Amino acid sequence: MINIIGFFMMGIDKRRAKKHAWRIPEKMLFLTSILGGSIGTWAGMYVFHHKTKHWYFVVGMPAILIGQILFLYRFLII
């Protein structure tokens, strides 16, 4: 569910950016990713072509996903 939320948050923020309306804070986008929505948020970046020029999103979102995979591997599989 959180991945779906992250995906749509990217789409909503992109639409608001085009309309010069109130935006979703970047901290909220990262928080959603950290709370388990990294796949959805990362997918939303590229589907909506949003935040793909910001290095901290291009590097940060995959880094969060890798960190979550390593965490799950370490604490749930071993």
PDB file of N, CA and C in Angstrom:
ATOM      1  N   MET A   1       0.819  -1.191   0.000  1.00  0.00           N
ATOM      2  CA  MET A   1       0.000   0.000   0.000  1.00  0.00           C
ATOM      3  C   MET A   1       0.873   1.269   0.000  1.00  0.00           C
ATOM      4  N   ILE A   2       1.932   1.250   0.794  1.00  0.00           N
ATOM      5  CA  ILE A   2       2.798   2.428   0.885  1.00  0.00           C
ATOM      6  C   ILE A   2       3.500   2.704  -0.442  1.00  0.00           C
ATOM      7  N   ASN A   3       3.770   1.656  -1.223  1.00  0.00           N
ATOM      8  CA  ASN A   3       4.377   1.858  -2.541  1.00  0.00           C
ATOM      9  C   ASN A   3       3.409   2.562  -3.488  1.00  0.00           C
ATOM     10  N   ILE A   4       2.155   2.218  -3.414  1.00  0.00           N
ATOM     11  CA  ILE A   4       1.137   2.882  -4.238  1.00  0.00           C
ATOM     12  C   ILE A   4       1.027   4.352  -3.852  1.00  0.00           C
ATOM     13  N   ILE A   5       1.072   4.615  -2.556  1.00  0.00           N
ATOM     14  CA  ILE A   5       1.024   6.003  -2.069  1.00  0.00           C
ATOM     15  C   ILE A   5       2.232   6.778  -2.578  1.00  0.00           C
ATOM     16  N   GLY A   6       3.420   6.187  -2.465  1.00  0.00           N
ATOM     17  CA  GLY A   6       4.639   6.845  -2.944  1.00  0.00           C
ATOM     18  C   GLY A   6       4.586   7.133  -4.431  1.00  0.00           C
ATOM     19  N   PHE A   7       4.079   6.170  -5.198  1.00  0.00           N
ATOM     20  CA  PHE A   7       3.960   6.341  -6.644  1.00  0.00           C
ATOM     21  C   PHE A   7       3.055   7.526  -6.974  1.00  0.00           C
ATOM     22  N   PHE A   8       1.880   7.558  -6.353  1.00  0.00           N
ATOM     23  CA  PHE A   8       0.940   8.633  -6.650  1.00  0.00           C
ATOM     24  C   PHE A   8       1.375   9.980  -6.080  1.00  0.00           C
ATOM     25  N   MET A   9       2.145   9.959  -4.988  1.00  0.00           N
ATOM     26  CA  MET A   9       2.675  11.225  -4.469  1.00  0.00           C
ATOM     27  C   MET A   9       3.581  11.891  -5.497  1.00  0.00           C
ATOM     28  N   MET A  10       4.381  11.092  -6.198  1.00  0.00           N
ATOM     29  CA  MET A  10       5.244  11.645  -7.246  1.00  0.00           C
ATOM     30  C   MET A  10       4.408  12.246  -8.373  1.00  0.00           C
ATOM     31  N   GLY A  11       3.355  11.541  -8.762  1.00  0.00           N
ATOM     32  CA  GLY A  11       2.487  12.046  -9.820  1.00  0.00           C
ATOM     33  C   GLY A  11       1.768  13.319  -9.419  1.00  0.00           C
ATOM     34  N   ILE A  12       1.276  13.356  -8.199  1.00  0.00           N
ATOM     35  CA  ILE A  12       0.580  14.546  -7.703  1.00  0.00           C
ATOM     36  C   ILE A  12       1.538  15.722  -7.628  1.00  0.00           C
ATOM     37  N   ASP A  13       2.747  15.483  -7.111  1.00  0.00           N
ATOM     38  CA  ASP A  13       3.719  16.570  -6.997  1.00  0.00           C
ATOM     39  C   ASP A  13       4.126  17.092  -8.371  1.00  0.00           C
ATOM     40  N   LYS A  14       4.261  16.207  -9.343  1.00  0.00           N
ATOM     41  CA  LYS A  14       4.597  16.630 -10.706  1.00  0.00           C
ATOM     42  C   LYS A  14       3.486  17.505 -11.283  1.00  0.00           C
ATOM     43  N   ARG A  15       2.237  17.078 -11.096  1.00  0.00           N
ATOM     44  CA  ARG A  15       1.113  17.866 -11.598  1.00  0.00           C
ATOM     45  C   ARG A  15       1.059  19.239 -10.930  1.00  0.00           C
ATOM     46  N   ARG A  16       1.303  19.262  -9.622  1.00  0.00           N
ATOM     47  CA  ARG A  16       1.304  20.544  -8.912  1.00  0.00           C
ATOM     48  C   ARG A  16       2.453  21.435  -9.367  1.00  0.00           C
ATOM     49  N   ALA A  17       3.584  20.826  -9.688  1.00  0.00           N
ATOM     50  CA  ALA A  17       4.730  21.611 -10.170  1.00  0.00           C
ATOM     51  C   ALA A  17       4.390  22.284 -11.492  1.00  0.00           C
ATOM     52  N   LYS A  18       3.713  21.583 -12.359  1.00  0.00           N
ATOM     53  CA  LYS A  18       3.325  22.166 -13.651  1.00  0.00           C
ATOM     54  C   LYS A  18       2.338  23.308 -13.486  1.00  0.00           C
ATOM     55  N   LYS A  19       1.487  23.221 -12.451  1.00  0.00           N
ATOM     56  CA  LYS A  19       0.472  24.253 -12.222  1.00  0.00           C
ATOM     57  C   LYS A  19       0.963  25.361 -11.289  1.00  0.00           C
ATOM     58  N   HIS A  20       2.215  25.261 -10.858  1.00  0.00           N
ATOM     59  CA  HIS A  20       2.797  26.227  -9.909  1.00  0.00           C
ATOM     60  C   HIS A  20       1.960  26.312  -8.642  1.00  0.00           C
ATOM     61  N   ALA A  21       1.475  25.173  -8.193  1.00  0.00           N
ATOM     62  CA  ALA A  21       0.642  25.092  -6.988  1.00  0.00           C
ATOM     63  C   ALA A  21       1.496  24.634  -5.809  1.00  0.00           C
ATOM     64  N   TRP A  22       0.847  24.528  -4.639  1.00  0.00           N
ATOM     65  CA  TRP A  22       1.511  24.052  -3.433  1.00  0.00           C
ATOM     66  C   TRP A  22       2.052  22.662  -3.680  1.00  0.00           C
ATOM     67  N   ARG A  23       3.299  22.416  -3.274  1.00  0.00           N
ATOM     68  CA  ARG A  23       4.000  21.169  -3.564  1.00  0.00           C
ATOM     69  C   ARG A  23       4.101  20.282  -2.338  1.00  0.00           C
ATOM     70  N   ILE A  24       4.315  19.003  -2.581  1.00  0.00           N
ATOM     71  CA  ILE A  24       4.591  18.046  -1.518  1.00  0.00           C
ATOM     72  C   ILE A  24       6.061  18.224  -1.139  1.00  0.00           C
ATOM     73  N   PRO A  25       6.355  18.447   0.132  1.00  0.00           N
ATOM     74  CA  PRO A  25       7.753  18.646   0.531  1.00  0.00           C
ATOM     75  C   PRO A  25       8.620  17.424   0.200  1.00  0.00           C
ATOM     76  N   GLU A  26       9.847  17.680  -0.200  1.00  0.00           N
ATOM     77  CA  GLU A  26      10.776  16.601  -0.523  1.00  0.00           C
ATOM     78  C   GLU A  26      10.990  15.682   0.671  1.00  0.00           C
ATOM     79  N   LYS A  27      10.937  16.237   1.877  1.00  0.00           N
ATOM     80  CA  LYS A  27      11.075  15.421   3.078  1.00  0.00           C
ATOM     81  C   LYS A  27       9.979  14.364   3.156  1.00  0.00           C
ATOM     82  N   MET A  28       8.764  14.713   2.734  1.00  0.00           N
ATOM     83  CA  MET A  28       7.661  13.752   2.741  1.00  0.00           C
ATOM     84  C   MET A  28       7.875  12.651   1.708  1.00  0.00           C
ATOM     85  N   LEU A  29       8.421  13.012   0.563  1.00  0.00           N
ATOM     86  CA  LEU A  29       8.698  12.011  -0.461  1.00  0.00           C
ATOM     87  C   LEU A  29       9.749  11.016   0.031  1.00  0.00           C
ATOM     88  N   PHE A  30      10.790  11.530   0.680  1.00  0.00           N
ATOM     89  CA  PHE A  30      11.818  10.648   1.225  1.00  0.00           C
ATOM     90  C   PHE A  30      11.275   9.830   2.400  1.00  0.00           C
ATOM     91  N   LEU A  31      10.456  10.432   3.244  1.00  0.00           N
ATOM     92  CA  LEU A  31       9.879   9.708   4.379  1.00  0.00           C
ATOM     93  C   LEU A  31       9.012   8.554   3.895  1.00  0.00           C
ATOM     94  N   THR A  32       8.218   8.799   2.878  1.00  0.00           N
ATOM     95  CA  THR A  32       7.393   7.738   2.306  1.00  0.00           C
ATOM     96  C   THR A  32       8.267   6.603   1.798  1.00  0.00           C
ATOM     97  N   SER A  33       9.365   6.948   1.159  1.00  0.00           N
ATOM     98  CA  SER A  33      10.297   5.947   0.655  1.00  0.00           C
ATOM     99  C   SER A  33      10.923   5.153   1.800  1.00  0.00           C
ATOM    100  N   ILE A  34      11.354   5.836   2.827  1.00  0.00           N
ATOM    101  CA  ILE A  34      11.999   5.185   3.971  1.00  0.00           C
ATOM    102  C   ILE A  34      11.029   4.263   4.712  1.00  0.00           C
ATOM    103  N   LEU A  35       9.761   4.644   4.765  1.00  0.00           N
ATOM    104  CA  LEU A  35       8.764   3.841   5.472  1.00  0.00           C
ATOM    105  C   LEU A  35       8.291   2.630   4.673  1.00  0.00           C
ATOM    106  N   GLY A  36       8.927   2.365   3.559  1.00  0.00           N
ATOM    107  CA  GLY A  36       8.614   1.168   2.802  1.00  0.00           C
ATOM    108  C   GLY A  36       8.123   1.413   1.396  1.00  0.00           C
ATOM    109  N   GLY A  37       8.030   2.659   0.985  1.00  0.00           N
ATOM    110  CA  GLY A  37       7.533   2.969  -0.345  1.00  0.00           C
ATOM    111  C   GLY A  37       8.603   3.268  -1.363  1.00  0.00           C
ATOM    112  N   SER A  38       9.778   2.716  -1.172  1.00  0.00           N
ATOM    113  CA  SER A  38      10.898   3.055  -2.058  1.00  0.00           C
ATOM    114  C   SER A  38      10.677   2.583  -3.488  1.00  0.00           C
ATOM    115  N   ILE A  39      10.074   1.424  -3.673  1.00  0.00           N
ATOM    116  CA  ILE A  39       9.834   0.925  -5.032  1.00  0.00           C
ATOM    117  C   ILE A  39       8.825   1.822  -5.753  1.00  0.00           C
ATOM    118  N   GLY A  40       7.744   2.165  -5.083  1.00  0.00           N
ATOM    119  CA  GLY A  40       6.726   3.017  -5.687  1.00  0.00           C
ATOM    120  C   GLY A  40       7.217   4.422  -5.963  1.00  0.00           C
ATOM    121  N   THR A  41       7.954   4.977  -5.024  1.00  0.00           N
ATOM    122  CA  THR A  41       8.475   6.323  -5.200  1.00  0.00           C
ATOM    123  C   THR A  41       9.490   6.373  -6.332  1.00  0.00           C
ATOM    124  N   TRP A  42      10.345   5.380  -6.385  1.00  0.00           N
ATOM    125  CA  TRP A  42      11.356   5.303  -7.437  1.00  0.00           C
ATOM    126  C   TRP A  42      10.697   5.107  -8.798  1.00  0.00           C
ATOM    127  N   ALA A  43       9.700   4.235  -8.856  1.00  0.00           N
ATOM    128  CA  ALA A  43       8.971   4.025 -10.115  1.00  0.00           C
ATOM    129  C   ALA A  43       8.264   5.309 -10.540  1.00  0.00           C
ATOM    130  N   GLY A  44       7.651   6.007  -9.581  1.00  0.00           N
ATOM    131  CA  GLY A  44       6.972   7.262  -9.884  1.00  0.00           C
ATOM    132  C   GLY A  44       7.905   8.321 -10.432  1.00  0.00           C
ATOM    133  N   MET A  45       9.140   8.326  -9.955  1.00  0.00           N
ATOM    134  CA  MET A  45      10.126   9.279 -10.474  1.00  0.00           C
ATOM    135  C   MET A  45      10.263   9.149 -11.982  1.00  0.00           C
ATOM    136  N   TYR A  46      10.334   7.928 -12.458  1.00  0.00           N
ATOM    137  CA  TYR A  46      10.606   7.715 -13.874  1.00  0.00           C
ATOM    138  C   TYR A  46       9.337   7.666 -14.722  1.00  0.00           C
ATOM    139  N   VAL A  47       8.240   7.208 -14.172  1.00  0.00           N
ATOM    140  CA  VAL A  47       6.981   7.219 -14.927  1.00  0.00           C
ATOM    141  C   VAL A  47       6.530   8.657 -15.175  1.00  0.00           C
ATOM    142  N   PHE A  48       6.633   9.496 -14.143  1.00  0.00           N
ATOM    143  CA  PHE A  48       6.189  10.884 -14.250  1.00  0.00           C
ATOM    144  C   PHE A  48       7.322  11.839 -14.634  1.00  0.00           C
ATOM    145  N   HIS A  49       8.534  11.329 -14.806  1.00  0.00           N
ATOM    146  CA  HIS A  49       9.708  12.159 -15.119  1.00  0.00           C
ATOM    147  C   HIS A  49       9.826  13.301 -14.121  1.00  0.00           C
ATOM    148  N   HIS A  50       9.812  12.933 -12.849  1.00  0.00           N
ATOM    149  CA  HIS A  50       9.801  13.924 -11.776  1.00  0.00           C
ATOM    150  C   HIS A  50      10.978  13.690 -10.833  1.00  0.00           C
ATOM    151  N   LYS A  51      11.694  14.736 -10.557  1.00  0.00           N
ATOM    152  CA  LYS A  51      12.852  14.739  -9.656  1.00  0.00           C
ATOM    153  C   LYS A  51      14.031  13.951 -10.220  1.00  0.00           C
ATOM    154  N   THR A  52      14.029  13.673 -11.509  1.00  0.00           N
ATOM    155  CA  THR A  52      15.109  12.883 -12.094  1.00  0.00           C
ATOM    156  C   THR A  52      16.366  13.702 -12.362  1.00  0.00           C
ATOM    157  N   LYS A  53      16.295  15.004 -12.186  1.00  0.00           N
ATOM    158  CA  LYS A  53      17.478  15.848 -12.364  1.00  0.00           C
ATOM    159  C   LYS A  53      18.119  16.213 -11.033  1.00  0.00           C
ATOM    160  N   HIS A  54      17.516  15.777  -9.953  1.00  0.00           N
ATOM    161  CA  HIS A  54      18.061  16.041  -8.618  1.00  0.00           C
ATOM    162  C   HIS A  54      18.896  14.836  -8.199  1.00  0.00           C
ATOM    163  N   TRP A  55      20.202  15.057  -8.029  1.00  0.00           N
ATOM    164  CA  TRP A  55      21.097  13.946  -7.728  1.00  0.00           C
ATOM    165  C   TRP A  55      20.693  13.221  -6.451  1.00  0.00           C
ATOM    166  N   TYR A  56      20.185  13.945  -5.474  1.00  0.00           N
ATOM    167  CA  TYR A  56      19.855  13.303  -4.204  1.00  0.00           C
ATOM    168  C   TYR A  56      18.641  12.391  -4.330  1.00  0.00           C
ATOM    169  N   PHE A  57      17.801  12.577  -5.339  1.00  0.00           N
ATOM    170  CA  PHE A  57      16.727  11.628  -5.608  1.00  0.00           C
ATOM    171  C   PHE A  57      17.236  10.470  -6.453  1.00  0.00           C
ATOM    172  N   VAL A  58      18.031  10.772  -7.458  1.00  0.00           N
ATOM    173  CA  VAL A  58      18.551   9.736  -8.357  1.00  0.00           C
ATOM    174  C   VAL A  58      19.429   8.750  -7.592  1.00  0.00           C
ATOM    175  N   VAL A  59      20.183   9.243  -6.621  1.00  0.00           N
ATOM    176  CA  VAL A  59      21.046   8.387  -5.814  1.00  0.00           C
ATOM    177  C   VAL A  59      20.306   7.890  -4.570  1.00  0.00           C
ATOM    178  N   GLY A  60      19.530   8.761  -3.957  1.00  0.00           N
ATOM    179  CA  GLY A  60      18.893   8.453  -2.681  1.00  0.00           C
ATOM    180  C   GLY A  60      17.827   7.380  -2.737  1.00  0.00           C
ATOM    181  N   MET A  61      16.957   7.435  -3.730  1.00  0.00           N
ATOM    182  CA  MET A  61      15.868   6.447  -3.800  1.00  0.00           C
ATOM    183  C   MET A  61      16.390   5.023  -4.005  1.00  0.00           C
ATOM    184  N   PRO A  62      17.307   4.799  -4.946  1.00  0.00           N
ATOM    185  CA  PRO A  62      17.857   3.439  -5.057  1.00  0.00           C
ATOM    186  C   PRO A  62      18.643   3.025  -3.806  1.00  0.00           C
ATOM    187  N   ALA A  63      19.320   3.981  -3.168  1.00  0.00           N
ATOM    188  CA  ALA A  63      20.082   3.670  -1.953  1.00  0.00           C
ATOM    189  C   ALA A  63      19.147   3.215  -0.840  1.00  0.00           C
ATOM    190  N   ILE A  64      18.006   3.876  -0.713  1.00  0.00           N
ATOM    191  CA  ILE A  64      17.030   3.478   0.300  1.00  0.00           C
ATOM    192  C   ILE A  64      16.510   2.075  -0.010  1.00  0.00           C
ATOM    193  N   LEU A  65      16.201   1.812  -1.264  1.00  0.00           N
ATOM    194  CA  LEU A  65      15.722   0.486  -1.661  1.00  0.00           C
ATOM    195  C   LEU A  65      16.760  -0.591  -1.365  1.00  0.00           C
ATOM    196  N   ILE A  66      18.003  -0.337  -1.714  1.00  0.00           N
ATOM    197  CA  ILE A  66      19.072  -1.307  -1.438  1.00  0.00           C
ATOM    198  C   ILE A  66      19.210  -1.529   0.064  1.00  0.00           C
ATOM    199  N   GLY A  67      19.133  -0.447   0.829  1.00  0.00           N
ATOM    200  CA  GLY A  67      19.200  -0.567   2.281  1.00  0.00           C
ATOM    201  C   GLY A  67      18.057  -1.398   2.842  1.00  0.00           C
ATOM    202  N   GLN A  68      16.874  -1.230   2.309  1.00  0.00           N
ATOM    203  CA  GLN A  68      15.721  -2.006   2.770  1.00  0.00           C
ATOM    204  C   GLN A  68      15.864  -3.483   2.403  1.00  0.00           C
ATOM    205  N   ILE A  69      16.373  -3.748   1.207  1.00  0.00           N
ATOM    206  CA  ILE A  69      16.590  -5.138   0.799  1.00  0.00           C
ATOM    207  C   ILE A  69      17.626  -5.803   1.703  1.00  0.00           C
ATOM    208  N   LEU A  70      18.723  -5.087   1.977  1.00  0.00           N
ATOM    209  CA  LEU A  70      19.751  -5.638   2.859  1.00  0.00           C
ATOM    210  C   LEU A  70      19.215  -5.853   4.273  1.00  0.00           C
ATOM    211  N   PHE A  71      18.415  -4.930   4.749  1.00  0.00           N
ATOM    212  CA  PHE A  71      17.811  -5.064   6.080  1.00  0.00           C
ATOM    213  C   PHE A  71      16.921  -6.303   6.134  1.00  0.00           C
ATOM    214  N   LEU A  72      16.053  -6.466   5.132  1.00  0.00           N
ATOM    215  CA  LEU A  72      15.163  -7.623   5.113  1.00  0.00           C
ATOM    216  C   LEU A  72      15.954  -8.924   5.003  1.00  0.00           C
ATOM    217  N   TYR A  73      16.965  -8.917   4.176  1.00  0.00           N
ATOM    218  CA  TYR A  73      17.800 -10.104   4.026  1.00  0.00           C
ATOM    219  C   TYR A  73      18.472 -10.464   5.351  1.00  0.00           C
ATOM    220  N   ARG A  74      19.008  -9.456   5.995  1.00  0.00           N
ATOM    221  CA  ARG A  74      19.753  -9.687   7.240  1.00  0.00           C
ATOM    222  C   ARG A  74      18.858 -10.147   8.389  1.00  0.00           C
ATOM    223  N   PHE A  75      17.700  -9.515   8.537  1.00  0.00           N
ATOM    224  CA  PHE A  75      16.888  -9.766   9.715  1.00  0.00           C
ATOM    225  C   PHE A  75      15.719 -10.734   9.492  1.00  0.00           C
ATOM    226  N   LEU A  76      15.376 -11.016   8.266  1.00  0.00           N
ATOM    227  CA  LEU A  76      14.261 -11.924   8.043  1.00  0.00           C
ATOM    228  C   LEU A  76      14.674 -13.254   7.425  1.00  0.00           C
ATOM    229  N   ILE A  77      15.747 -13.276   6.700  1.00  0.00           N
ATOM    230  CA  ILE A  77      16.148 -14.500   6.015  1.00  0.00           C
ATOM    231  C   ILE A  77      17.183 -15.271   6.818  1.00  0.00           C
ATOM    232  N   ILE A  78      18.119 -14.578   7.412  1.00  0.00           N
ATOM    233  CA  ILE A  78      19.193 -15.259   8.166  1.00  0.00           C
ATOM    234  C   ILE A  78      18.698 -15.626   9.547  1.00  0.00           C
TER     235      ILE A  78
END
